[in-house]
Amino acid sequence: PGGVDYRSVATMMGRVLLADRDWQAGRTKMFIKESENVMLEKARALIIETSAVKIQRCVRFWIFRRFLARARNAVKIIQRAWRTVTARRNFLKLRRGFIKLQAAVRRRRERRKFLSIRRKVVAVQA
């Protein structure tokens, strides 16, 4: 059925897997002794186990990479917020300094005006 010659496949498998052991190929099945069946089942279980371990390793690695990507994004958000805070602090400090400088310049200008007017008033009174 379907163009597959089961007898030749079974014969080839028997030669490869069960080289000198007692086996017989049916039309769609291979008939082997229980001890050979146990040996084949152990080999199958080992292959399934190693495949499962490989799949688990890949999935765990994928989960870990996803965790790292999220952590990296969180770090970027924290760094951006911290840079904003420090930039704002520096800006406010600079602005306070300029306000104080501006006040000192205005105070000095007003003091000079006051002293000039005072000198003139004292000159007029004397």
PDB file of N, CA and C in Angstrom:
ATOM      1  N   PRO A   1       0.834  -1.200   0.000  1.00  0.00           N
ATOM      2  CA  PRO A   1       0.000   0.000   0.000  1.00  0.00           C
ATOM      3  C   PRO A   1       0.862   1.239   0.000  1.00  0.00           C
ATOM      4  N   GLY A   2       0.543   2.171  -0.889  1.00  0.00           N
ATOM      5  CA  GLY A   2       1.267   3.426  -0.937  1.00  0.00           C
ATOM      6  C   GLY A   2       2.634   3.305  -1.528  1.00  0.00           C
ATOM      7  N   GLY A   3       2.990   2.210  -2.141  1.00  0.00           N
ATOM      8  CA  GLY A   3       4.271   2.072  -2.794  1.00  0.00           C
ATOM      9  C   GLY A   3       5.410   1.717  -1.856  1.00  0.00           C
ATOM     10  N   VAL A   4       5.126   1.357  -0.591  1.00  0.00           N
ATOM     11  CA  VAL A   4       6.185   1.004   0.356  1.00  0.00           C
ATOM     12  C   VAL A   4       6.241  -0.510   0.474  1.00  0.00           C
ATOM     13  N   ASP A   5       7.409  -1.046   0.281  1.00  0.00           N
ATOM     14  CA  ASP A   5       7.599  -2.487   0.413  1.00  0.00           C
ATOM     15  C   ASP A   5       8.015  -2.775   1.852  1.00  0.00           C
ATOM     16  N   TYR A   6       6.998  -3.093   2.689  1.00  0.00           N
ATOM     17  CA  TYR A   6       7.247  -3.275   4.116  1.00  0.00           C
ATOM     18  C   TYR A   6       8.189  -4.435   4.390  1.00  0.00           C
ATOM     19  N   ARG A   7       8.102  -5.477   3.587  1.00  0.00           N
ATOM     20  CA  ARG A   7       8.950  -6.640   3.823  1.00  0.00           C
ATOM     21  C   ARG A   7      10.431  -6.279   3.641  1.00  0.00           C
ATOM     22  N   SER A   8      10.753  -5.500   2.600  1.00  0.00           N
ATOM     23  CA  SER A   8      12.157  -5.129   2.397  1.00  0.00           C
ATOM     24  C   SER A   8      12.630  -4.161   3.482  1.00  0.00           C
ATOM     25  N   VAL A   9      11.741  -3.254   3.910  1.00  0.00           N
ATOM     26  CA  VAL A   9      12.112  -2.331   5.007  1.00  0.00           C
ATOM     27  C   VAL A   9      12.356  -3.126   6.276  1.00  0.00           C
ATOM     28  N   ALA A  10      11.466  -4.072   6.596  1.00  0.00           N
ATOM     29  CA  ALA A  10      11.621  -4.903   7.794  1.00  0.00           C
ATOM     30  C   ALA A  10      12.889  -5.733   7.709  1.00  0.00           C
ATOM     31  N   THR A  11      13.169  -6.283   6.539  1.00  0.00           N
ATOM     32  CA  THR A  11      14.387  -7.082   6.362  1.00  0.00           C
ATOM     33  C   THR A  11      15.625  -6.220   6.577  1.00  0.00           C
ATOM     34  N   MET A  12      15.629  -5.022   5.998  1.00  0.00           N
ATOM     35  CA  MET A  12      16.779  -4.132   6.164  1.00  0.00           C
ATOM     36  C   MET A  12      16.949  -3.731   7.637  1.00  0.00           C
ATOM     37  N   MET A  13      15.839  -3.399   8.316  1.00  0.00           N
ATOM     38  CA  MET A  13      15.922  -3.039   9.736  1.00  0.00           C
ATOM     39  C   MET A  13      16.425  -4.207  10.562  1.00  0.00           C
ATOM     40  N   GLY A  14      15.951  -5.398  10.213  1.00  0.00           N
ATOM     41  CA  GLY A  14      16.408  -6.579  10.944  1.00  0.00           C
ATOM     42  C   GLY A  14      17.893  -6.818  10.769  1.00  0.00           C
ATOM     43  N   ARG A  15      18.396  -6.606   9.586  1.00  0.00           N
ATOM     44  CA  ARG A  15      19.837  -6.793   9.338  1.00  0.00           C
ATOM     45  C   ARG A  15      20.667  -5.746  10.076  1.00  0.00           C
ATOM     46  N   VAL A  16      20.171  -4.511  10.093  1.00  0.00           N
ATOM     47  CA  VAL A  16      20.936  -3.431  10.724  1.00  0.00           C
ATOM     48  C   VAL A  16      20.825  -3.494  12.236  1.00  0.00           C
ATOM     49  N   LEU A  17      19.597  -3.580  12.743  1.00  0.00           N
ATOM     50  CA  LEU A  17      19.399  -3.500  14.188  1.00  0.00           C
ATOM     51  C   LEU A  17      19.589  -4.830  14.907  1.00  0.00           C
ATOM     52  N   LEU A  18      19.154  -5.889  14.272  1.00  0.00           N
ATOM     53  CA  LEU A  18      19.197  -7.209  14.924  1.00  0.00           C
ATOM     54  C   LEU A  18      20.069  -8.149  14.101  1.00  0.00           C
ATOM     55  N   ALA A  19      21.304  -7.803  13.946  1.00  0.00           N
ATOM     56  CA  ALA A  19      22.206  -8.449  12.995  1.00  0.00           C
ATOM     57  C   ALA A  19      22.198  -9.976  13.109  1.00  0.00           C
ATOM     58  N   ASP A  20      22.562 -10.522  14.277  1.00  0.00           N
ATOM     59  CA  ASP A  20      22.680 -11.975  14.373  1.00  0.00           C
ATOM     60  C   ASP A  20      21.654 -12.542  15.353  1.00  0.00           C
ATOM     61  N   ARG A  21      20.594 -11.824  15.588  1.00  0.00           N
ATOM     62  CA  ARG A  21      19.591 -12.267  16.547  1.00  0.00           C
ATOM     63  C   ARG A  21      18.434 -12.937  15.809  1.00  0.00           C
ATOM     64  N   ASP A  22      17.580 -13.530  16.592  1.00  0.00           N
ATOM     65  CA  ASP A  22      16.442 -14.265  16.036  1.00  0.00           C
ATOM     66  C   ASP A  22      15.274 -13.306  15.824  1.00  0.00           C
ATOM     67  N   TRP A  23      14.863 -13.135  14.586  1.00  0.00           N
ATOM     68  CA  TRP A  23      13.743 -12.266  14.243  1.00  0.00           C
ATOM     69  C   TRP A  23      13.086 -12.779  12.980  1.00  0.00           C
ATOM     70  N   GLN A  24      11.883 -12.292  12.721  1.00  0.00           N
ATOM     71  CA  GLN A  24      11.173 -12.724  11.531  1.00  0.00           C
ATOM     72  C   GLN A  24      10.324 -11.554  11.050  1.00  0.00           C
ATOM     73  N   ALA A  25      10.279 -11.339   9.750  1.00  0.00           N
ATOM     74  CA  ALA A  25       9.523 -10.239   9.182  1.00  0.00           C
ATOM     75  C   ALA A  25       8.200 -10.754   8.663  1.00  0.00           C
ATOM     76  N   GLY A  26       7.126 -10.100   9.116  1.00  0.00           N
ATOM     77  CA  GLY A  26       5.800 -10.410   8.602  1.00  0.00           C
ATOM     78  C   GLY A  26       5.472  -9.453   7.472  1.00  0.00           C
ATOM     79  N   ARG A  27       4.190  -9.394   7.151  1.00  0.00           N
ATOM     80  CA  ARG A  27       3.798  -8.517   6.047  1.00  0.00           C
ATOM     81  C   ARG A  27       3.932  -7.044   6.430  1.00  0.00           C
ATOM     82  N   THR A  28       3.478  -6.674   7.629  1.00  0.00           N
ATOM     83  CA  THR A  28       3.561  -5.269   8.079  1.00  0.00           C
ATOM     84  C   THR A  28       4.216  -5.160   9.446  1.00  0.00           C
ATOM     85  N   LYS A  29       4.706  -6.246  10.007  1.00  0.00           N
ATOM     86  CA  LYS A  29       5.295  -6.242  11.347  1.00  0.00           C
ATOM     87  C   LYS A  29       6.599  -7.002  11.358  1.00  0.00           C
ATOM     88  N   MET A  30       7.388  -6.680  12.386  1.00  0.00           N
ATOM     89  CA  MET A  30       8.578  -7.493  12.646  1.00  0.00           C
ATOM     90  C   MET A  30       8.331  -8.246  13.938  1.00  0.00           C
ATOM     91  N   PHE A  31       8.642  -9.508  13.931  1.00  0.00           N
ATOM     92  CA  PHE A  31       8.452 -10.337  15.117  1.00  0.00           C
ATOM     93  C   PHE A  31       9.831 -10.614  15.708  1.00  0.00           C
ATOM     94  N   ILE A  32      10.008 -10.172  16.949  1.00  0.00           N
ATOM     95  CA  ILE A  32      11.302 -10.360  17.618  1.00  0.00           C
ATOM     96  C   ILE A  32      11.045 -10.910  19.003  1.00  0.00           C
ATOM     97  N   LYS A  33      12.090 -11.440  19.600  1.00  0.00           N
ATOM     98  CA  LYS A  33      11.971 -11.980  20.950  1.00  0.00           C
ATOM     99  C   LYS A  33      11.838 -10.834  21.950  1.00  0.00           C
ATOM    100  N   GLU A  34      11.351 -11.176  23.120  1.00  0.00           N
ATOM    101  CA  GLU A  34      11.126 -10.174  24.163  1.00  0.00           C
ATOM    102  C   GLU A  34      12.429  -9.481  24.559  1.00  0.00           C
ATOM    103  N   SER A  35      13.523 -10.222  24.646  1.00  0.00           N
ATOM    104  CA  SER A  35      14.795  -9.613  25.055  1.00  0.00           C
ATOM    105  C   SER A  35      15.251  -8.567  24.037  1.00  0.00           C
ATOM    106  N   GLU A  36      15.064  -8.854  22.750  1.00  0.00           N
ATOM    107  CA  GLU A  36      15.427  -7.878  21.726  1.00  0.00           C
ATOM    108  C   GLU A  36      14.487  -6.674  21.770  1.00  0.00           C
ATOM    109  N   ASN A  37      13.217  -6.961  22.050  1.00  0.00           N
ATOM    110  CA  ASN A  37      12.243  -5.874  22.176  1.00  0.00           C
ATOM    111  C   ASN A  37      12.616  -4.944  23.331  1.00  0.00           C
ATOM    112  N   VAL A  38      13.043  -5.521  24.455  1.00  0.00           N
ATOM    113  CA  VAL A  38      13.469  -4.717  25.611  1.00  0.00           C
ATOM    114  C   VAL A  38      14.683  -3.878  25.234  1.00  0.00           C
ATOM    115  N   MET A  39      15.626  -4.487  24.519  1.00  0.00           N
ATOM    116  CA  MET A  39      16.830  -3.744  24.094  1.00  0.00           C
ATOM    117  C   MET A  39      16.448  -2.578  23.182  1.00  0.00           C
ATOM    118  N   LEU A  40      15.552  -2.835  22.216  1.00  0.00           N
ATOM    119  CA  LEU A  40      15.117  -1.764  21.317  1.00  0.00           C
ATOM    120  C   LEU A  40      14.344  -0.676  22.071  1.00  0.00           C
ATOM    121  N   GLU A  41      13.522  -1.083  23.022  1.00  0.00           N
ATOM    122  CA  GLU A  41      12.768  -0.104  23.822  1.00  0.00           C
ATOM    123  C   GLU A  41      13.712   0.766  24.657  1.00  0.00           C
ATOM    124  N   LYS A  42      14.767   0.152  25.198  1.00  0.00           N
ATOM    125  CA  LYS A  42      15.753   0.937  25.961  1.00  0.00           C
ATOM    126  C   LYS A  42      16.440   1.954  25.060  1.00  0.00           C
ATOM    127  N   ALA A  43      16.812   1.513  23.858  1.00  0.00           N
ATOM    128  CA  ALA A  43      17.455   2.443  22.911  1.00  0.00           C
ATOM    129  C   ALA A  43      16.488   3.560  22.533  1.00  0.00           C
ATOM    130  N   ARG A  44      15.218   3.179  22.301  1.00  0.00           N
ATOM    131  CA  ARG A  44      14.190   4.190  21.973  1.00  0.00           C
ATOM    132  C   ARG A  44      14.014   5.173  23.124  1.00  0.00           C
ATOM    133  N   ALA A  45      13.952   4.656  24.365  1.00  0.00           N
ATOM    134  CA  ALA A  45      13.780   5.517  25.536  1.00  0.00           C
ATOM    135  C   ALA A  45      14.969   6.469  25.686  1.00  0.00           C
ATOM    136  N   LEU A  46      16.170   5.947  25.408  1.00  0.00           N
ATOM    137  CA  LEU A  46      17.362   6.803  25.496  1.00  0.00           C
ATOM    138  C   LEU A  46      17.307   7.924  24.461  1.00  0.00           C
ATOM    139  N   ILE A  47      16.902   7.594  23.237  1.00  0.00           N
ATOM    140  CA  ILE A  47      16.800   8.607  22.186  1.00  0.00           C
ATOM    141  C   ILE A  47      15.739   9.645  22.544  1.00  0.00           C
ATOM    142  N   ILE A  48      14.608   9.175  23.063  1.00  0.00           N
ATOM    143  CA  ILE A  48      13.534  10.110  23.460  1.00  0.00           C
ATOM    144  C   ILE A  48      14.010  11.003  24.600  1.00  0.00           C
ATOM    145  N   GLU A  49      14.721  10.418  25.566  1.00  0.00           N
ATOM    146  CA  GLU A  49      15.206  11.203  26.697  1.00  0.00           C
ATOM    147  C   GLU A  49      16.205  12.270  26.247  1.00  0.00           C
ATOM    148  N   THR A  50      17.161  11.882  25.401  1.00  0.00           N
ATOM    149  CA  THR A  50      18.140  12.873  24.938  1.00  0.00           C
ATOM    150  C   THR A  50      17.460  13.950  24.096  1.00  0.00           C
ATOM    151  N   SER A  51      16.471  13.556  23.312  1.00  0.00           N
ATOM    152  CA  SER A  51      15.737  14.558  22.524  1.00  0.00           C
ATOM    153  C   SER A  51      14.972  15.500  23.432  1.00  0.00           C
ATOM    154  N   ALA A  52      14.359  14.961  24.476  1.00  0.00           N
ATOM    155  CA  ALA A  52      13.622  15.803  25.430  1.00  0.00           C
ATOM    156  C   ALA A  52      14.565  16.766  26.134  1.00  0.00           C
ATOM    157  N   VAL A  53      15.742  16.284  26.490  1.00  0.00           N
ATOM    158  CA  VAL A  53      16.726  17.149  27.155  1.00  0.00           C
ATOM    159  C   VAL A  53      17.149  18.284  26.218  1.00  0.00           C
ATOM    160  N   LYS A  54      17.369  17.938  24.937  1.00  0.00           N
ATOM    161  CA  LYS A  54      17.739  18.980  23.971  1.00  0.00           C
ATOM    162  C   LYS A  54      16.631  20.014  23.824  1.00  0.00           C
ATOM    163  N   ILE A  55      15.389  19.537  23.743  1.00  0.00           N
ATOM    164  CA  ILE A  55      14.252  20.461  23.619  1.00  0.00           C
ATOM    165  C   ILE A  55      14.152  21.339  24.860  1.00  0.00           C
ATOM    166  N   GLN A  56      14.306  20.733  26.049  1.00  0.00           N
ATOM    167  CA  GLN A  56      14.250  21.507  27.297  1.00  0.00           C
ATOM    168  C   GLN A  56      15.354  22.560  27.332  1.00  0.00           C
ATOM    169  N   ARG A  57      16.550  22.177  26.891  1.00  0.00           N
ATOM    170  CA  ARG A  57      17.658  23.123  26.884  1.00  0.00           C
ATOM    171  C   ARG A  57      17.345  24.308  25.975  1.00  0.00           C
ATOM    172  N   CYS A  58      16.808  24.023  24.798  1.00  0.00           N
ATOM    173  CA  CYS A  58      16.460  25.107  23.868  1.00  0.00           C
ATOM    174  C   CYS A  58      15.376  26.004  24.443  1.00  0.00           C
ATOM    175  N   VAL A  59      14.359  25.400  25.050  1.00  0.00           N
ATOM    176  CA  VAL A  59      13.269  26.195  25.619  1.00  0.00           C
ATOM    177  C   VAL A  59      13.777  27.030  26.789  1.00  0.00           C
ATOM    178  N   ARG A  60      14.589  26.432  27.648  1.00  0.00           N
ATOM    179  CA  ARG A  60      15.133  27.189  28.790  1.00  0.00           C
ATOM    180  C   ARG A  60      16.015  28.335  28.308  1.00  0.00           C
ATOM    181  N   PHE A  61      16.804  28.077  27.277  1.00  0.00           N
ATOM    182  CA  PHE A  61      17.652  29.135  26.725  1.00  0.00           C
ATOM    183  C   PHE A  61      16.794  30.249  26.148  1.00  0.00           C
ATOM    184  N   TRP A  62      15.713  29.891  25.453  1.00  0.00           N
ATOM    185  CA  TRP A  62      14.806  30.890  24.892  1.00  0.00           C
ATOM    186  C   TRP A  62      14.156  31.709  26.005  1.00  0.00           C
ATOM    187  N   ILE A  63      13.712  31.045  27.080  1.00  0.00           N
ATOM    188  CA  ILE A  63      13.108  31.749  28.216  1.00  0.00           C
ATOM    189  C   ILE A  63      14.134  32.675  28.850  1.00  0.00           C
ATOM    190  N   PHE A  64      15.368  32.197  29.010  1.00  0.00           N
ATOM    191  CA  PHE A  64      16.408  33.026  29.618  1.00  0.00           C
ATOM    192  C   PHE A  64      16.719  34.240  28.748  1.00  0.00           C
ATOM    193  N   ARG A  65      16.788  34.062  27.423  1.00  0.00           N
ATOM    194  CA  ARG A  65      17.036  35.194  26.529  1.00  0.00           C
ATOM    195  C   ARG A  65      15.904  36.203  26.602  1.00  0.00           C
ATOM    196  N   ARG A  66      14.669  35.705  26.701  1.00  0.00           N
ATOM    197  CA  ARG A  66      13.528  36.607  26.837  1.00  0.00           C
ATOM    198  C   ARG A  66      13.624  37.379  28.153  1.00  0.00           C
ATOM    199  N   PHE A  67      14.021  36.685  29.231  1.00  0.00           N
ATOM    200  CA  PHE A  67      14.207  37.343  30.521  1.00  0.00           C
ATOM    201  C   PHE A  67      15.288  38.423  30.418  1.00  0.00           C
ATOM    202  N   LEU A  68      16.400  38.094  29.759  1.00  0.00           N
ATOM    203  CA  LEU A  68      17.472  39.076  29.597  1.00  0.00           C
ATOM    204  C   LEU A  68      17.018  40.280  28.780  1.00  0.00           C
ATOM    205  N   ALA A  69      16.238  40.041  27.742  1.00  0.00           N
ATOM    206  CA  ALA A  69      15.749  41.151  26.919  1.00  0.00           C
ATOM    207  C   ALA A  69      14.855  42.060  27.743  1.00  0.00           C
ATOM    208  N   ARG A  70      13.987  41.471  28.562  1.00  0.00           N
ATOM    209  CA  ARG A  70      13.117  42.292  29.420  1.00  0.00           C
ATOM    210  C   ARG A  70      13.937  43.053  30.455  1.00  0.00           C
ATOM    211  N   ALA A  71      14.929  42.384  31.025  1.00  0.00           N
ATOM    212  CA  ALA A  71      15.781  43.057  32.020  1.00  0.00           C
ATOM    213  C   ALA A  71      16.550  44.200  31.371  1.00  0.00           C
ATOM    214  N   ARG A  72      17.038  43.976  30.146  1.00  0.00           N
ATOM    215  CA  ARG A  72      17.761  45.027  29.429  1.00  0.00           C
ATOM    216  C   ARG A  72      16.850  46.228  29.176  1.00  0.00           C
ATOM    217  N   ASN A  73      15.608  45.965  28.789  1.00  0.00           N
ATOM    218  CA  ASN A  73      14.663  47.056  28.573  1.00  0.00           C
ATOM    219  C   ASN A  73      14.362  47.789  29.875  1.00  0.00           C
ATOM    220  N   ALA A  74      14.235  47.038  30.971  1.00  0.00           N
ATOM    221  CA  ALA A  74      13.987  47.673  32.271  1.00  0.00           C
ATOM    222  C   ALA A  74      15.170  48.552  32.664  1.00  0.00           C
ATOM    223  N   VAL A  75      16.373  48.063  32.434  1.00  0.00           N
ATOM    224  CA  VAL A  75      17.571  48.857  32.746  1.00  0.00           C
ATOM    225  C   VAL A  75      17.591  50.135  31.918  1.00  0.00           C
ATOM    226  N   LYS A  76      17.220  50.023  30.642  1.00  0.00           N
ATOM    227  CA  LYS A  76      17.195  51.214  29.790  1.00  0.00           C
ATOM    228  C   LYS A  76      16.186  52.234  30.302  1.00  0.00           C
ATOM    229  N   ILE A  77      15.029  51.771  30.754  1.00  0.00           N
ATOM    230  CA  ILE A  77      14.010  52.681  31.283  1.00  0.00           C
ATOM    231  C   ILE A  77      14.521  53.364  32.550  1.00  0.00           C
ATOM    232  N   ILE A  78      15.143  52.585  33.431  1.00  0.00           N
ATOM    233  CA  ILE A  78      15.677  53.157  34.672  1.00  0.00           C
ATOM    234  C   ILE A  78      16.775  54.169  34.358  1.00  0.00           C
ATOM    235  N   GLN A  79      17.674  53.828  33.439  1.00  0.00           N
ATOM    236  CA  GLN A  79      18.751  54.752  33.074  1.00  0.00           C
ATOM    237  C   GLN A  79      18.189  56.030  32.466  1.00  0.00           C
ATOM    238  N   ARG A  80      17.184  55.900  31.613  1.00  0.00           N
ATOM    239  CA  ARG A  80      16.591  57.083  30.998  1.00  0.00           C
ATOM    240  C   ARG A  80      15.963  57.982  32.069  1.00  0.00           C
ATOM    241  N   ALA A  81      15.249  57.365  33.026  1.00  0.00           N
ATOM    242  CA  ALA A  81      14.631  58.145  34.094  1.00  0.00           C
ATOM    243  C   ALA A  81      15.701  58.826  34.952  1.00  0.00           C
ATOM    244  N   TRP A  82      16.769  58.088  35.261  1.00  0.00           N
ATOM    245  CA  TRP A  82      17.824  58.668  36.093  1.00  0.00           C
ATOM    246  C   TRP A  82      18.527  59.819  35.370  1.00  0.00           C
ATOM    247  N   ARG A  83      18.785  59.656  34.081  1.00  0.00           N
ATOM    248  CA  ARG A  83      19.402  60.740  33.321  1.00  0.00           C
ATOM    249  C   ARG A  83      18.499  61.968  33.296  1.00  0.00           C
ATOM    250  N   THR A  84      17.193  61.740  33.188  1.00  0.00           N
ATOM    251  CA  THR A  84      16.246  62.854  33.217  1.00  0.00           C
ATOM    252  C   THR A  84      16.320  63.566  34.557  1.00  0.00           C
ATOM    253  N   VAL A  85      16.345  62.794  35.641  1.00  0.00           N
ATOM    254  CA  VAL A  85      16.399  63.393  36.977  1.00  0.00           C
ATOM    255  C   VAL A  85      17.681  64.208  37.149  1.00  0.00           C
ATOM    256  N   THR A  86      18.823  63.618  36.767  1.00  0.00           N
ATOM    257  CA  THR A  86      20.086  64.338  36.958  1.00  0.00           C
ATOM    258  C   THR A  86      20.158  65.562  36.046  1.00  0.00           C
ATOM    259  N   ALA A  87      19.654  65.445  34.816  1.00  0.00           N
ATOM    260  CA  ALA A  87      19.663  66.609  33.918  1.00  0.00           C
ATOM    261  C   ALA A  87      18.786  67.713  34.489  1.00  0.00           C
ATOM    262  N   ARG A  88      17.631  67.337  35.031  1.00  0.00           N
ATOM    263  CA  ARG A  88      16.741  68.355  35.624  1.00  0.00           C
ATOM    264  C   ARG A  88      17.404  69.002  36.835  1.00  0.00           C
ATOM    265  N   ARG A  89      18.049  68.201  37.681  1.00  0.00           N
ATOM    266  CA  ARG A  89      18.753  68.763  38.839  1.00  0.00           C
ATOM    267  C   ARG A  89      19.820  69.776  38.383  1.00  0.00           C
ATOM    268  N   ASN A  90      20.613  69.355  37.400  1.00  0.00           N
ATOM    269  CA  ASN A  90      21.666  70.256  36.907  1.00  0.00           C
ATOM    270  C   ASN A  90      21.075  71.529  36.313  1.00  0.00           C
ATOM    271  N   PHE A  91      19.976  71.383  35.562  1.00  0.00           N
ATOM    272  CA  PHE A  91      19.327  72.558  34.972  1.00  0.00           C
ATOM    273  C   PHE A  91      18.817  73.491  36.058  1.00  0.00           C
ATOM    274  N   LEU A  92      18.152  72.946  37.072  1.00  0.00           N
ATOM    275  CA  LEU A  92      17.611  73.792  38.145  1.00  0.00           C
ATOM    276  C   LEU A  92      18.731  74.467  38.935  1.00  0.00           C
ATOM    277  N   LYS A  93      19.815  73.751  39.155  1.00  0.00           N
ATOM    278  CA  LYS A  93      20.962  74.326  39.859  1.00  0.00           C
ATOM    279  C   LYS A  93      21.542  75.482  39.044  1.00  0.00           C
ATOM    280  N   LEU A  94      21.692  75.269  37.753  1.00  0.00           N
ATOM    281  CA  LEU A  94      22.199  76.314  36.870  1.00  0.00           C
ATOM    282  C   LEU A  94      21.245  77.503  36.846  1.00  0.00           C
ATOM    283  N   ARG A  95      19.946  77.224  36.758  1.00  0.00           N
ATOM    284  CA  ARG A  95      18.958  78.308  36.722  1.00  0.00           C
ATOM    285  C   ARG A  95      18.981  79.116  38.016  1.00  0.00           C
ATOM    286  N   ARG A  96      19.076  78.430  39.171  1.00  0.00           N
ATOM    287  CA  ARG A  96      19.176  79.140  40.456  1.00  0.00           C
ATOM    288  C   ARG A  96      20.416  80.023  40.485  1.00  0.00           C
ATOM    289  N   GLY A  97      21.518  79.489  39.930  1.00  0.00           N
ATOM    290  CA  GLY A  97      22.746  80.280  39.886  1.00  0.00           C
ATOM    291  C   GLY A  97      22.573  81.529  39.028  1.00  0.00           C
ATOM    292  N   PHE A  98      21.930  81.401  37.861  1.00  0.00           N
ATOM    293  CA  PHE A  98      21.710  82.564  37.004  1.00  0.00           C
ATOM    294  C   PHE A  98      20.751  83.561  37.643  1.00  0.00           C
ATOM    295  N   ILE A  99      19.745  83.056  38.364  1.00  0.00           N
ATOM    296  CA  ILE A  99      18.818  83.956  39.058  1.00  0.00           C
ATOM    297  C   ILE A  99      19.565  84.751  40.126  1.00  0.00           C
ATOM    298  N   LYS A 100      20.445  84.078  40.875  1.00  0.00           N
ATOM    299  CA  LYS A 100      21.236  84.780  41.896  1.00  0.00           C
ATOM    300  C   LYS A 100      22.178  85.799  41.252  1.00  0.00           C
ATOM    301  N   LEU A 101      22.795  85.409  40.132  1.00  0.00           N
ATOM    302  CA  LEU A 101      23.677  86.343  39.425  1.00  0.00           C
ATOM    303  C   LEU A 101      22.886  87.552  38.929  1.00  0.00           C
ATOM    304  N   GLN A 102      21.727  87.294  38.362  1.00  0.00           N
ATOM    305  CA  GLN A 102      20.877  88.376  37.865  1.00  0.00           C
ATOM    306  C   GLN A 102      20.468  89.303  39.010  1.00  0.00           C
ATOM    307  N   ALA A 103      20.133  88.732  40.150  1.00  0.00           N
ATOM    308  CA  ALA A 103      19.757  89.541  41.312  1.00  0.00           C
ATOM    309  C   ALA A 103      20.944  90.378  41.781  1.00  0.00           C
ATOM    310  N   ALA A 104      22.136  89.797  41.778  1.00  0.00           N
ATOM    311  CA  ALA A 104      23.325  90.544  42.212  1.00  0.00           C
ATOM    312  C   ALA A 104      23.608  91.697  41.255  1.00  0.00           C
ATOM    313  N   VAL A 105      23.475  91.465  39.945  1.00  0.00           N
ATOM    314  CA  VAL A 105      23.714  92.531  38.964  1.00  0.00           C
ATOM    315  C   VAL A 105      22.696  93.648  39.152  1.00  0.00           C
ATOM    316  N   ARG A 106      21.427  93.308  39.307  1.00  0.00           N
ATOM    317  CA  ARG A 106      20.383  94.320  39.512  1.00  0.00           C
ATOM    318  C   ARG A 106      20.602  95.076  40.824  1.00  0.00           C
ATOM    319  N   ARG A 107      20.975  94.340  41.878  1.00  0.00           N
ATOM    320  CA  ARG A 107      21.234  94.988  43.168  1.00  0.00           C
ATOM    321  C   ARG A 107      22.366  95.993  43.031  1.00  0.00           C
ATOM    322  N   ARG A 108      23.408  95.602  42.336  1.00  0.00           N
ATOM    323  CA  ARG A 108      24.551  96.505  42.173  1.00  0.00           C
ATOM    324  C   ARG A 108      24.154  97.739  41.358  1.00  0.00           C
ATOM    325  N   ARG A 109      23.379  97.537  40.296  1.00  0.00           N
ATOM    326  CA  ARG A 109      22.930  98.651  39.467  1.00  0.00           C
ATOM    327  C   ARG A 109      22.059  99.614  40.292  1.00  0.00           C
ATOM    328  N   GLU A 110      21.130  99.050  41.053  1.00  0.00           N
ATOM    329  CA  GLU A 110      20.251  99.885  41.882  1.00  0.00           C
ATOM    330  C   GLU A 110      21.045 100.596  42.977  1.00  0.00           C
ATOM    331  N   ARG A 111      22.031  99.916  43.540  1.00  0.00           N
ATOM    332  CA  ARG A 111      22.870 100.540  44.587  1.00  0.00           C
ATOM    333  C   ARG A 111      23.636 101.725  43.995  1.00  0.00           C
ATOM    334  N   ARG A 112      24.174 101.559  42.787  1.00  0.00           N
ATOM    335  CA  ARG A 112      24.900 102.668  42.147  1.00  0.00           C
ATOM    336  C   ARG A 112      23.967 103.845  41.876  1.00  0.00           C
ATOM    337  N   LYS A 113      22.742 103.527  41.386  1.00  0.00           N
ATOM    338  CA  LYS A 113      21.768 104.608  41.161  1.00  0.00           C
ATOM    339  C   LYS A 113      21.474 105.336  42.460  1.00  0.00           C
ATOM    340  N   PHE A 114      21.245 104.551  43.516  1.00  0.00           N
ATOM    341  CA  PHE A 114      20.934 105.138  44.812  1.00  0.00           C
ATOM    342  C   PHE A 114      22.073 106.032  45.305  1.00  0.00           C
ATOM    343  N   LEU A 115      23.309 105.507  45.218  1.00  0.00           N
ATOM    344  CA  LEU A 115      24.454 106.313  45.693  1.00  0.00           C
ATOM    345  C   LEU A 115      24.620 107.568  44.851  1.00  0.00           C
ATOM    346  N   SER A 116      24.358 107.490  43.555  1.00  0.00           N
ATOM    347  CA  SER A 116      24.459 108.660  42.684  1.00  0.00           C
ATOM    348  C   SER A 116      23.426 109.711  43.081  1.00  0.00           C
ATOM    349  N   ILE A 117      22.191 109.268  43.275  1.00  0.00           N
ATOM    350  CA  ILE A 117      21.138 110.208  43.686  1.00  0.00           C
ATOM    351  C   ILE A 117      21.455 110.787  45.058  1.00  0.00           C
ATOM    352  N   ARG A 118      21.939 109.984  45.964  1.00  0.00           N
ATOM    353  CA  ARG A 118      22.265 110.443  47.315  1.00  0.00           C
ATOM    354  C   ARG A 118      23.357 111.513  47.274  1.00  0.00           C
ATOM    355  N   ARG A 119      24.406 111.251  46.427  1.00  0.00           N
ATOM    356  CA  ARG A 119      25.471 112.235  46.302  1.00  0.00           C
ATOM    357  C   ARG A 119      24.907 113.572  45.789  1.00  0.00           C
ATOM    358  N   LYS A 120      24.025 113.491  44.820  1.00  0.00           N
ATOM    359  CA  LYS A 120      23.444 114.708  44.257  1.00  0.00           C
ATOM    360  C   LYS A 120      22.604 115.442  45.304  1.00  0.00           C
ATOM    361  N   VAL A 121      21.813 114.677  46.078  1.00  0.00           N
ATOM    362  CA  VAL A 121      20.975 115.290  47.128  1.00  0.00           C
ATOM    363  C   VAL A 121      21.854 115.934  48.175  1.00  0.00           C
ATOM    364  N   VAL A 122      22.922 115.277  48.597  1.00  0.00           N
ATOM    365  CA  VAL A 122      23.828 115.825  49.609  1.00  0.00           C
ATOM    366  C   VAL A 122      24.502 117.090  49.051  1.00  0.00           C
ATOM    367  N   ALA A 123      24.821 117.071  47.750  1.00  0.00           N
ATOM    368  CA  ALA A 123      25.455 118.246  47.131  1.00  0.00           C
ATOM    369  C   ALA A 123      24.485 119.411  47.117  1.00  0.00           C
ATOM    370  N   VAL A 124      23.228 119.158  46.857  1.00  0.00           N
ATOM    371  CA  VAL A 124      22.227 120.222  46.807  1.00  0.00           C
ATOM    372  C   VAL A 124      22.009 120.756  48.223  1.00  0.00           C
ATOM    373  N   GLN A 125      21.993 119.901  49.207  1.00  0.00           N
ATOM    374  CA  GLN A 125      21.754 120.319  50.604  1.00  0.00           C
ATOM    375  C   GLN A 125      22.965 121.067  51.156  1.00  0.00           C
ATOM    376  N   ALA A 126      24.136 120.834  50.723  1.00  0.00           N
ATOM    377  CA  ALA A 126      25.314 121.480  51.298  1.00  0.00           C
ATOM    378  C   ALA A 126      25.613 122.803  50.724  1.00  0.00           C
TER     379      ALA A 126
END
